[in-house]
């Protein structure tokens, strides 16, 4: 029996697209939240991190309601662009991005809050605008946290199951990602296929965490050595 690699390819496509969205939205938002205080900030942060504590089925239900044909965003997309994300790979990308976004946001925000504000203020006194300060000072000094958030978000996107199943469904070759394929193979008695996919995901997740831990330790060691040499 030949092994079907389609779920692996679909999972990589979904995770890659989702993490691009997460990075593009997460870094600016984290930078704004790390440096600004405004009324309702706690409410915004609670909303952004809510997918971390909500069951995936709840997240999937909310997304299905929002993007369904009778939902506010679903009606907008259908009426204006004549597209639907329900039972489509785009739905899987949205689900993966929503559940992985808090990891990128929290990791990046924590790193940016640790940046020495005097360095940013010094750049401002030299005439640098806020965007230049953010791009040349804040982001480079927050790089370890950004990388950690990126890796963890990608891994979380790759393993998303519940919300993806609800909004994208289980369509072999179209929306059946690795976690869904594992579930369906196990339900259908195809233990061999399920085991292969489980091993692939487990090994990948282990290598991601192992590499991230080693990389973080090297970064910390390099920082300590730089501090000691000053």
Protein backbone atom coordinates (compact mmCIF):
# COMPACT_ATOMS: atom_id res chain seq x y z
CA UNK A 1 0.00 0.00 0.00
CA UNK A 2 1.46 3.37 -1.04
CA UNK A 3 1.67 6.10 1.55
CA UNK A 4 -0.20 9.35 0.85
CA UNK A 5 2.00 12.36 1.49
CA UNK A 6 -0.75 14.87 0.70
CA UNK A 7 -1.68 15.59 4.36
CA UNK A 8 1.95 16.40 5.11
CA UNK A 9 2.20 18.79 2.17
CA UNK A 10 -1.11 20.45 3.07
CA UNK A 11 -0.03 20.84 6.70
CA UNK A 12 3.22 22.51 5.64
CA UNK A 13 1.34 24.86 3.30
CA UNK A 14 -1.16 25.78 6.01
CA UNK A 15 1.51 26.28 8.68
CA UNK A 16 3.68 28.40 6.37
CA UNK A 17 0.79 30.65 5.31
CA UNK A 18 -0.48 30.93 8.89
CA UNK A 19 2.90 31.86 10.34
CA UNK A 20 3.38 34.56 7.69
CA UNK A 21 0.07 36.12 8.77
CA UNK A 22 1.01 35.75 12.43
CA UNK A 23 4.39 37.42 11.95
CA UNK A 24 3.04 40.31 9.88
CA UNK A 25 0.32 41.06 12.42
CA UNK A 26 1.97 39.92 15.63
CA UNK A 27 5.20 41.93 15.54
CA UNK A 28 3.58 45.37 15.00
CA UNK A 29 0.87 44.65 17.57
CA UNK A 30 3.39 43.41 20.13
CA UNK A 31 5.50 46.51 19.56
CA UNK A 32 2.52 48.80 20.05
CA UNK A 33 1.31 47.00 23.17
CA UNK A 34 4.79 46.86 24.70
CA UNK A 35 5.34 50.60 24.39
CA UNK A 36 1.89 52.13 24.75
CA UNK A 37 -0.65 52.44 27.55
CA UNK A 38 -4.23 53.27 26.66
CA UNK A 39 -7.74 52.70 28.03
CA UNK A 40 -8.89 49.17 27.34
CA UNK A 41 -5.37 47.75 26.88
CA UNK A 42 -6.10 44.85 29.22
CA UNK A 43 -9.24 44.02 27.25
CA UNK A 44 -7.28 43.95 23.99
CA UNK A 45 -4.63 41.68 25.47
CA UNK A 46 -7.26 39.35 26.90
CA UNK A 47 -8.94 39.14 23.50
CA UNK A 48 -5.66 38.49 21.67
CA UNK A 49 -4.59 35.69 24.01
CA UNK A 50 -8.05 34.15 24.37
CA UNK A 51 -7.39 31.32 21.85
CA UNK A 52 -4.75 29.97 24.26
CA UNK A 53 -7.39 29.00 26.82
CA UNK A 54 -10.45 28.39 24.65
CA UNK A 55 -11.09 24.80 23.54
CA UNK A 56 -10.31 24.38 19.82
CA UNK A 57 -13.93 23.41 19.18
CA UNK A 58 -15.05 26.76 20.57
CA UNK A 59 -12.56 28.62 18.37
CA UNK A 60 -13.74 26.59 15.39
CA UNK A 61 -17.39 27.34 16.14
CA UNK A 62 -16.69 31.08 16.38
CA UNK A 63 -14.77 31.04 13.10
CA UNK A 64 -17.51 29.03 11.43
CA UNK A 65 -20.08 31.54 12.62
CA UNK A 66 -17.99 34.49 11.45
CA UNK A 67 -17.01 33.09 8.04
CA UNK A 68 -20.09 30.98 7.28
CA UNK A 69 -22.37 32.02 4.45
CA UNK A 70 -24.69 33.77 6.92
CA UNK A 71 -21.90 35.17 9.09
CA UNK A 72 -20.80 38.82 8.93
CA UNK A 73 -17.39 38.12 7.41
CA UNK A 74 -18.71 35.30 5.24
CA UNK A 75 -21.37 37.53 3.71
CA UNK A 76 -18.80 40.26 3.11
CA UNK A 77 -16.32 37.94 1.39
CA UNK A 78 -19.01 36.33 -0.71
CA UNK A 79 -20.69 39.57 -1.67
CA UNK A 80 -17.56 41.59 -2.44
CA UNK A 81 -14.96 39.03 -3.53
CA UNK A 82 -17.19 36.04 -4.37
CA UNK A 83 -15.04 33.73 -2.24
CA UNK A 84 -15.71 31.46 0.72
CA UNK A 85 -13.19 30.17 3.23
CA UNK A 86 -15.44 27.50 4.73
CA UNK A 87 -14.45 23.96 3.69
CA UNK A 88 -11.46 25.45 1.94
CA UNK A 89 -7.72 25.49 2.59
CA UNK A 90 -8.05 29.19 3.40
CA UNK A 91 -10.24 28.24 6.34
CA UNK A 92 -7.52 25.94 7.64
CA UNK A 93 -5.00 28.78 7.35
CA UNK A 94 -7.27 31.14 9.29
CA UNK A 95 -7.85 28.56 12.03
CA UNK A 96 -4.12 27.87 12.34
CA UNK A 97 -3.29 31.58 12.43
CA UNK A 98 -5.87 32.31 15.13
CA UNK A 99 -4.74 29.56 17.51
CA UNK A 100 -1.01 30.23 17.00
CA UNK A 101 -1.16 34.04 17.11
CA UNK A 102 -1.00 34.31 20.94
CA UNK A 103 2.32 32.46 20.99
CA UNK A 104 3.91 34.89 18.56
CA UNK A 105 2.38 37.87 20.30
CA UNK A 106 3.36 36.93 23.85
CA UNK A 107 6.90 35.90 23.01
CA UNK A 108 7.55 39.03 20.95
CA UNK A 109 5.90 41.38 23.43
CA UNK A 110 7.92 39.97 26.34
CA UNK A 111 11.14 40.42 24.35
CA UNK A 112 10.28 43.99 23.37
CA UNK A 113 9.40 44.92 26.94
CA UNK A 114 12.92 43.82 27.90
CA UNK A 115 14.60 46.17 25.44
CA UNK A 116 16.48 49.01 27.14
CA UNK A 117 14.36 52.11 26.56
CA UNK A 118 17.38 54.36 26.83
CA UNK A 119 18.70 52.94 23.57
CA UNK A 120 15.43 53.74 21.82
CA UNK A 121 15.33 57.22 23.34
CA UNK A 122 18.92 57.84 22.26
CA UNK A 123 17.99 57.00 18.68
CA UNK A 124 15.06 59.40 18.88
CA UNK A 125 17.26 62.23 20.13
CA UNK A 126 19.50 61.62 17.11
CA UNK A 127 16.55 62.25 14.82
CA UNK A 128 15.28 58.74 14.14
CA UNK A 129 11.54 58.42 13.65
CA UNK A 130 9.40 55.87 15.44
CA UNK A 131 9.38 53.46 12.51
CA UNK A 132 13.16 53.60 12.16
CA UNK A 133 13.61 53.09 15.90
CA UNK A 134 11.32 50.10 15.76
CA UNK A 135 13.07 48.54 12.77
CA UNK A 136 16.67 49.26 13.72
CA UNK A 137 16.63 49.11 17.53
CA UNK A 138 13.58 47.32 18.91
CA UNK A 139 13.31 44.42 16.49
CA UNK A 140 17.05 43.51 16.40
CA UNK A 141 17.26 43.55 20.21
CA UNK A 142 14.06 41.49 20.45
CA UNK A 143 15.23 38.94 17.89
CA UNK A 144 15.49 35.91 20.23
CA UNK A 145 11.89 36.36 21.37
CA UNK A 146 10.70 36.88 17.81
CA UNK A 147 12.43 33.72 16.62
CA UNK A 148 10.99 31.74 19.53
CA UNK A 149 7.51 33.00 18.76
CA UNK A 150 7.95 32.19 15.08
CA UNK A 151 9.06 28.61 15.71
CA UNK A 152 6.39 27.89 18.31
CA UNK A 153 3.69 29.42 16.12
CA UNK A 154 4.74 27.29 13.17
CA UNK A 155 4.71 24.13 15.29
CA UNK A 156 1.31 25.03 16.74
CA UNK A 157 -0.08 25.72 13.27
CA UNK A 158 1.21 22.39 12.05
CA UNK A 159 -0.59 20.56 14.84
CA UNK A 160 -3.92 22.38 14.75
CA UNK A 161 -6.88 20.01 14.69
CA UNK A 162 -10.17 21.04 16.30
CA UNK A 163 -10.75 24.48 14.85
CA UNK A 164 -9.47 23.35 11.44
CA UNK A 165 -11.88 20.42 11.34
CA UNK A 166 -14.85 22.66 12.10
CA UNK A 167 -14.19 25.41 9.58
CA UNK A 168 -12.27 23.56 6.85
CA UNK A 169 -13.71 20.08 7.27
CA UNK A 170 -12.12 16.79 6.27
CA UNK A 171 -11.72 16.79 2.50
CA UNK A 172 -8.91 14.43 1.41
CA UNK A 173 -6.44 16.20 -0.85
CA UNK A 174 -7.95 19.59 -0.10
CA UNK A 175 -8.26 20.28 3.64
CA UNK A 176 -7.15 17.04 5.30
CA UNK A 177 -4.06 18.07 7.24
CA UNK A 178 -1.86 15.70 9.25
CA UNK A 179 -3.77 15.88 12.56
CA UNK A 180 -7.07 15.26 10.79
CA UNK A 181 -5.55 12.45 8.72
CA UNK A 182 -4.29 10.81 11.94
CA UNK A 183 -7.73 10.97 13.49
CA UNK A 184 -9.49 9.63 10.41
CA UNK A 185 -6.93 6.85 9.88
CA UNK A 186 -7.32 5.73 13.47
CA UNK A 187 -11.10 5.83 13.24
CA UNK A 188 -10.96 3.80 10.04
CA UNK A 189 -8.69 1.17 11.52
CA UNK A 190 -5.66 2.16 9.44
CA UNK A 191 -3.25 2.07 12.36
CA UNK A 192 -0.17 1.91 10.13
CA UNK A 193 -0.90 5.23 8.42
CA UNK A 194 -1.82 6.86 11.71
CA UNK A 195 1.40 5.63 13.30
CA UNK A 196 3.58 6.95 10.47
CA UNK A 197 2.00 10.40 10.70
CA UNK A 198 2.22 10.37 14.50
CA UNK A 199 5.93 9.53 14.34
CA UNK A 200 6.55 12.29 11.78
CA UNK A 201 4.77 14.92 13.87
CA UNK A 202 6.36 13.76 17.13
CA UNK A 203 9.89 13.76 15.71
CA UNK A 204 9.38 17.16 14.10
CA UNK A 205 7.98 18.68 17.30
CA UNK A 206 10.82 17.21 19.35
CA UNK A 207 13.45 18.58 16.98
CA UNK A 208 11.80 22.02 17.01
CA UNK A 209 11.79 22.21 20.81
CA UNK A 210 15.31 20.75 21.07
CA UNK A 211 16.72 23.22 18.54
CA UNK A 212 14.90 26.15 20.14
CA UNK A 213 16.23 25.30 23.60
CA UNK A 214 19.79 24.93 22.29
CA UNK A 215 19.56 28.15 20.30
CA UNK A 216 18.15 30.08 23.27
CA UNK A 217 20.98 28.86 25.50
CA UNK A 218 23.59 29.91 22.92
CA UNK A 219 21.98 33.34 22.64
CA UNK A 220 21.93 33.75 26.41
CA UNK A 221 25.53 32.58 26.72
CA UNK A 222 26.64 35.01 24.03
CA UNK A 223 24.82 37.86 25.78
CA UNK A 224 26.48 37.05 29.12
CA UNK A 225 29.90 36.94 27.48
CA UNK A 226 29.31 40.33 25.84
CA UNK A 227 28.22 41.79 29.19
CA UNK A 228 31.33 40.37 30.88
CA UNK A 229 33.68 41.81 28.28
CA UNK A 230 32.40 45.34 28.78
